[in-house]
Amino acid sequence: MKLAEALILSGDCQKRMEQLKSRLLGNARIQEDEDPSESPTDLIVELENVARELVNLIKRINNTNSTPVFIDGGSIADALAERDVLVLRRA
C-alpha cells in the first residue's frame, strides 16, 4: 500500500467513525417504549473495528514517515519539519 492510499483510507476511517458516533447517539435518544432502529451493540462493535483499523493505518503511516529514505539518512518526517521551518523563515 502506498502512503497516499493509507492517508486516504485513514481519512475514510475518521469519517466512518463520525458517522457511527452520530448513528449511535441517534439510537440512544428514543422514547421509553420504542426500540432503536439499529442495535447499539452492533454499532459499538463496528465503531471498535473501524477504530482498530484506523490505529493500524496510523501506525503504518508513522512508520513510513520515520523510515530513512533520503541519501543523508533523513526521513519524510524530517523533510516535512525542515520544509515547515523554511516556510516560516521565508514569511
N, C-alpha and C. Protein backbone atom coordinates (compact mmCIF):
# COMPACT_ATOMS: atom_id res chain seq x y z
N MET A 1 0.85 -1.18 0.00
CA MET A 1 0.00 0.00 0.00
C MET A 1 0.89 1.24 0.00
N LYS A 2 0.53 2.19 -0.81
CA LYS A 2 1.30 3.43 -0.88
C LYS A 2 0.84 4.39 0.22
N LEU A 3 1.72 5.33 0.54
CA LEU A 3 1.44 6.29 1.60
C LEU A 3 0.16 7.08 1.30
N ALA A 4 0.00 7.51 0.06
CA ALA A 4 -1.19 8.29 -0.30
C ALA A 4 -2.47 7.47 -0.08
N GLU A 5 -2.41 6.19 -0.42
CA GLU A 5 -3.58 5.33 -0.21
C GLU A 5 -3.90 5.20 1.27
N ALA A 6 -2.87 5.03 2.08
CA ALA A 6 -3.06 4.90 3.52
C ALA A 6 -3.65 6.18 4.11
N LEU A 7 -3.21 7.33 3.62
CA LEU A 7 -3.75 8.59 4.11
C LEU A 7 -5.23 8.74 3.73
N ILE A 8 -5.58 8.32 2.53
CA ILE A 8 -6.98 8.38 2.10
C ILE A 8 -7.83 7.44 2.95
N LEU A 9 -7.34 6.22 3.17
CA LEU A 9 -8.06 5.27 4.00
C LEU A 9 -8.21 5.76 5.43
N SER A 10 -7.19 6.42 5.92
CA SER A 10 -7.24 6.99 7.27
C SER A 10 -8.35 8.04 7.36
N GLY A 11 -8.44 8.90 6.37
CA GLY A 11 -9.50 9.90 6.34
C GLY A 11 -10.87 9.26 6.26
N ASP A 12 -10.98 8.19 5.46
CA ASP A 12 -12.24 7.47 5.36
C ASP A 12 -12.65 6.86 6.70
N CYS A 13 -11.68 6.29 7.40
CA CYS A 13 -11.96 5.71 8.72
C CYS A 13 -12.45 6.78 9.69
N GLN A 14 -11.82 7.94 9.65
CA GLN A 14 -12.25 9.01 10.55
C GLN A 14 -13.67 9.46 10.24
N LYS A 15 -14.02 9.52 8.95
CA LYS A 15 -15.39 9.88 8.57
C LYS A 15 -16.38 8.81 9.02
N ARG A 16 -16.01 7.54 8.82
CA ARG A 16 -16.89 6.44 9.24
C ARG A 16 -17.10 6.45 10.74
N MET A 17 -16.05 6.78 11.49
CA MET A 17 -16.19 6.84 12.95
C MET A 17 -17.17 7.95 13.35
N GLU A 18 -17.09 9.08 12.69
CA GLU A 18 -18.01 10.18 12.99
C GLU A 18 -19.45 9.79 12.66
N GLN A 19 -19.63 9.11 11.53
CA GLN A 19 -20.97 8.66 11.14
C GLN A 19 -21.52 7.65 12.13
N LEU A 20 -20.68 6.71 12.55
CA LEU A 20 -21.12 5.71 13.52
C LEU A 20 -21.46 6.36 14.86
N LYS A 21 -20.66 7.33 15.26
CA LYS A 21 -20.93 8.05 16.50
C LYS A 21 -22.28 8.75 16.42
N SER A 22 -22.55 9.38 15.29
CA SER A 22 -23.82 10.07 15.09
C SER A 22 -24.99 9.10 15.13
N ARG A 23 -24.83 7.95 14.44
CA ARG A 23 -25.89 6.94 14.44
C ARG A 23 -26.10 6.38 15.83
N LEU A 24 -25.02 6.18 16.57
CA LEU A 24 -25.12 5.64 17.92
C LEU A 24 -25.86 6.62 18.84
N LEU A 25 -25.52 7.90 18.74
CA LEU A 25 -26.20 8.90 19.56
C LEU A 25 -27.68 9.03 19.17
N GLY A 26 -27.96 8.92 17.87
CA GLY A 26 -29.34 8.98 17.41
C GLY A 26 -30.17 7.82 17.92
N ASN A 27 -29.56 6.65 18.04
CA ASN A 27 -30.27 5.49 18.55
C ASN A 27 -30.39 5.50 20.07
N ALA A 28 -29.57 6.30 20.72
CA ALA A 28 -29.66 6.40 22.18
C ALA A 28 -30.82 7.30 22.60
N ARG A 29 -31.26 8.16 21.71
CA ARG A 29 -32.35 9.09 22.02
C ARG A 29 -33.67 8.58 21.44
N ILE A 30 -34.27 7.67 22.14
CA ILE A 30 -35.56 7.14 21.70
C ILE A 30 -36.54 7.23 22.86
N GLN A 31 -37.83 7.09 22.53
CA GLN A 31 -38.85 7.10 23.56
C GLN A 31 -38.72 5.84 24.42
N GLU A 32 -39.29 5.89 25.58
CA GLU A 32 -39.12 4.83 26.57
C GLU A 32 -39.58 3.46 26.08
N ASP A 33 -40.69 3.37 25.38
CA ASP A 33 -41.24 2.08 24.96
C ASP A 33 -40.89 1.71 23.52
N GLU A 34 -40.03 2.47 22.86
CA GLU A 34 -39.67 2.20 21.48
C GLU A 34 -38.36 1.44 21.40
N ASP A 35 -38.22 0.71 20.31
CA ASP A 35 -36.96 0.02 20.04
C ASP A 35 -36.10 0.88 19.14
N PRO A 36 -34.78 0.85 19.32
CA PRO A 36 -33.91 1.63 18.44
C PRO A 36 -33.95 1.06 17.02
N SER A 37 -33.72 1.92 16.04
CA SER A 37 -33.76 1.46 14.64
C SER A 37 -32.56 0.58 14.31
N GLU A 38 -31.47 0.75 15.05
CA GLU A 38 -30.27 -0.08 14.88
C GLU A 38 -29.81 -0.54 16.25
N SER A 39 -29.19 -1.68 16.29
CA SER A 39 -28.69 -2.22 17.55
C SER A 39 -27.48 -1.41 18.02
N PRO A 40 -27.58 -0.78 19.19
CA PRO A 40 -26.42 -0.04 19.71
C PRO A 40 -25.19 -0.92 19.88
N THR A 41 -25.41 -2.17 20.27
CA THR A 41 -24.29 -3.09 20.45
C THR A 41 -23.56 -3.32 19.13
N ASP A 42 -24.34 -3.52 18.05
CA ASP A 42 -23.72 -3.71 16.73
C ASP A 42 -22.96 -2.47 16.29
N LEU A 43 -23.52 -1.30 16.58
CA LEU A 43 -22.84 -0.04 16.21
C LEU A 43 -21.54 0.12 16.99
N ILE A 44 -21.56 -0.25 18.26
CA ILE A 44 -20.34 -0.14 19.08
C ILE A 44 -19.27 -1.10 18.56
N VAL A 45 -19.68 -2.32 18.20
CA VAL A 45 -18.73 -3.30 17.65
C VAL A 45 -18.13 -2.77 16.35
N GLU A 46 -18.97 -2.22 15.48
CA GLU A 46 -18.49 -1.67 14.22
C GLU A 46 -17.55 -0.49 14.47
N LEU A 47 -17.90 0.35 15.43
CA LEU A 47 -17.05 1.50 15.78
C LEU A 47 -15.69 1.03 16.28
N GLU A 48 -15.67 0.00 17.09
CA GLU A 48 -14.39 -0.54 17.58
C GLU A 48 -13.57 -1.13 16.45
N ASN A 49 -14.21 -1.79 15.51
CA ASN A 49 -13.48 -2.35 14.36
C ASN A 49 -12.85 -1.25 13.51
N VAL A 50 -13.60 -0.19 13.27
CA VAL A 50 -13.09 0.93 12.48
C VAL A 50 -11.95 1.61 13.25
N ALA A 51 -12.10 1.75 14.56
CA ALA A 51 -11.05 2.37 15.38
C ALA A 51 -9.77 1.53 15.33
N ARG A 52 -9.92 0.22 15.38
CA ARG A 52 -8.75 -0.67 15.29
C ARG A 52 -8.07 -0.53 13.93
N GLU A 53 -8.88 -0.45 12.87
CA GLU A 53 -8.33 -0.27 11.53
C GLU A 53 -7.58 1.06 11.43
N LEU A 54 -8.15 2.12 12.02
CA LEU A 54 -7.51 3.43 11.99
C LEU A 54 -6.18 3.42 12.73
N VAL A 55 -6.14 2.76 13.87
CA VAL A 55 -4.88 2.67 14.63
C VAL A 55 -3.81 1.98 13.79
N ASN A 56 -4.18 0.89 13.12
CA ASN A 56 -3.20 0.18 12.28
C ASN A 56 -2.71 1.05 11.13
N LEU A 57 -3.62 1.80 10.51
CA LEU A 57 -3.22 2.69 9.42
C LEU A 57 -2.28 3.78 9.92
N ILE A 58 -2.62 4.39 11.05
CA ILE A 58 -1.79 5.46 11.60
C ILE A 58 -0.40 4.93 11.94
N LYS A 59 -0.33 3.73 12.51
CA LYS A 59 0.98 3.14 12.82
C LYS A 59 1.80 2.93 11.56
N ARG A 60 1.15 2.44 10.50
CA ARG A 60 1.86 2.21 9.24
C ARG A 60 2.31 3.52 8.61
N ILE A 61 1.45 4.54 8.68
CA ILE A 61 1.81 5.86 8.13
C ILE A 61 2.99 6.43 8.90
N ASN A 62 2.92 6.37 10.23
CA ASN A 62 4.02 6.90 11.06
C ASN A 62 5.31 6.14 10.82
N ASN A 63 5.21 4.83 10.65
CA ASN A 63 6.39 4.02 10.38
C ASN A 63 7.02 4.42 9.04
N THR A 64 6.18 4.64 8.05
CA THR A 64 6.68 5.06 6.74
C THR A 64 7.34 6.43 6.83
N ASN A 65 6.71 7.33 7.56
CA ASN A 65 7.25 8.69 7.68
C ASN A 65 8.55 8.74 8.48
N SER A 66 8.80 7.75 9.31
CA SER A 66 10.01 7.78 10.13
C SER A 66 11.13 6.91 9.57
N THR A 67 10.87 6.20 8.49
CA THR A 67 11.89 5.36 7.87
C THR A 67 12.80 6.22 7.00
N PRO A 68 14.13 6.10 7.18
CA PRO A 68 15.05 6.89 6.35
C PRO A 68 14.87 6.56 4.87
N VAL A 69 14.71 7.62 4.07
CA VAL A 69 14.54 7.40 2.62
C VAL A 69 15.46 8.29 1.80
N PHE A 70 16.13 9.23 2.43
CA PHE A 70 16.99 10.15 1.70
C PHE A 70 18.45 9.76 1.87
N ILE A 71 19.27 10.25 0.99
CA ILE A 71 20.70 9.91 0.99
C ILE A 71 21.36 10.27 2.31
N ASP A 72 20.97 11.40 2.90
CA ASP A 72 21.59 11.82 4.17
C ASP A 72 21.03 11.07 5.37
N GLY A 73 20.15 10.09 5.14
CA GLY A 73 19.59 9.30 6.23
C GLY A 73 18.34 9.90 6.84
N GLY A 74 17.87 11.01 6.29
CA GLY A 74 16.67 11.65 6.81
C GLY A 74 15.41 10.94 6.38
N SER A 75 14.35 11.20 7.12
CA SER A 75 13.06 10.59 6.82
C SER A 75 12.13 11.63 6.20
N ILE A 76 10.97 11.16 5.77
CA ILE A 76 9.96 12.08 5.24
C ILE A 76 9.54 13.06 6.33
N ALA A 77 9.39 12.57 7.56
CA ALA A 77 9.01 13.44 8.68
C ALA A 77 10.05 14.53 8.89
N ASP A 78 11.33 14.18 8.77
CA ASP A 78 12.40 15.17 8.91
C ASP A 78 12.31 16.23 7.82
N ALA A 79 12.09 15.78 6.59
CA ALA A 79 11.99 16.71 5.46
C ALA A 79 10.79 17.64 5.62
N LEU A 80 9.67 17.11 6.11
CA LEU A 80 8.49 17.95 6.33
C LEU A 80 8.74 19.00 7.41
N ALA A 81 9.45 18.61 8.46
CA ALA A 81 9.77 19.55 9.53
C ALA A 81 10.67 20.67 9.00
N GLU A 82 11.67 20.31 8.21
CA GLU A 82 12.55 21.31 7.64
C GLU A 82 11.80 22.23 6.68
N ARG A 83 10.91 21.67 5.88
CA ARG A 83 10.10 22.48 4.97
C ARG A 83 9.25 23.48 5.74
N ASP A 84 8.62 23.04 6.81
CA ASP A 84 7.76 23.93 7.60
C ASP A 84 8.55 25.09 8.19
N VAL A 85 9.77 24.81 8.65
CA VAL A 85 10.59 25.88 9.22
C VAL A 85 11.07 26.82 8.12
N LEU A 86 11.40 26.31 6.95
CA LEU A 86 11.79 27.16 5.84
C LEU A 86 10.66 28.09 5.43
N VAL A 87 9.44 27.57 5.42
CA VAL A 87 8.27 28.42 5.10
C VAL A 87 8.14 29.53 6.12
N LEU A 88 8.32 29.20 7.41
CA LEU A 88 8.24 30.23 8.45
C LEU A 88 9.35 31.27 8.30
N ARG A 89 10.55 30.82 7.99
CA ARG A 89 11.67 31.75 7.80
C ARG A 89 11.41 32.68 6.63
N ARG A 90 10.91 32.13 5.54
CA ARG A 90 10.64 32.93 4.35
C ARG A 90 9.57 33.99 4.63
N ALA A 91 8.58 33.62 5.41
CA ALA A 91 7.50 34.56 5.72
C ALA A 91 8.03 35.66 6.61
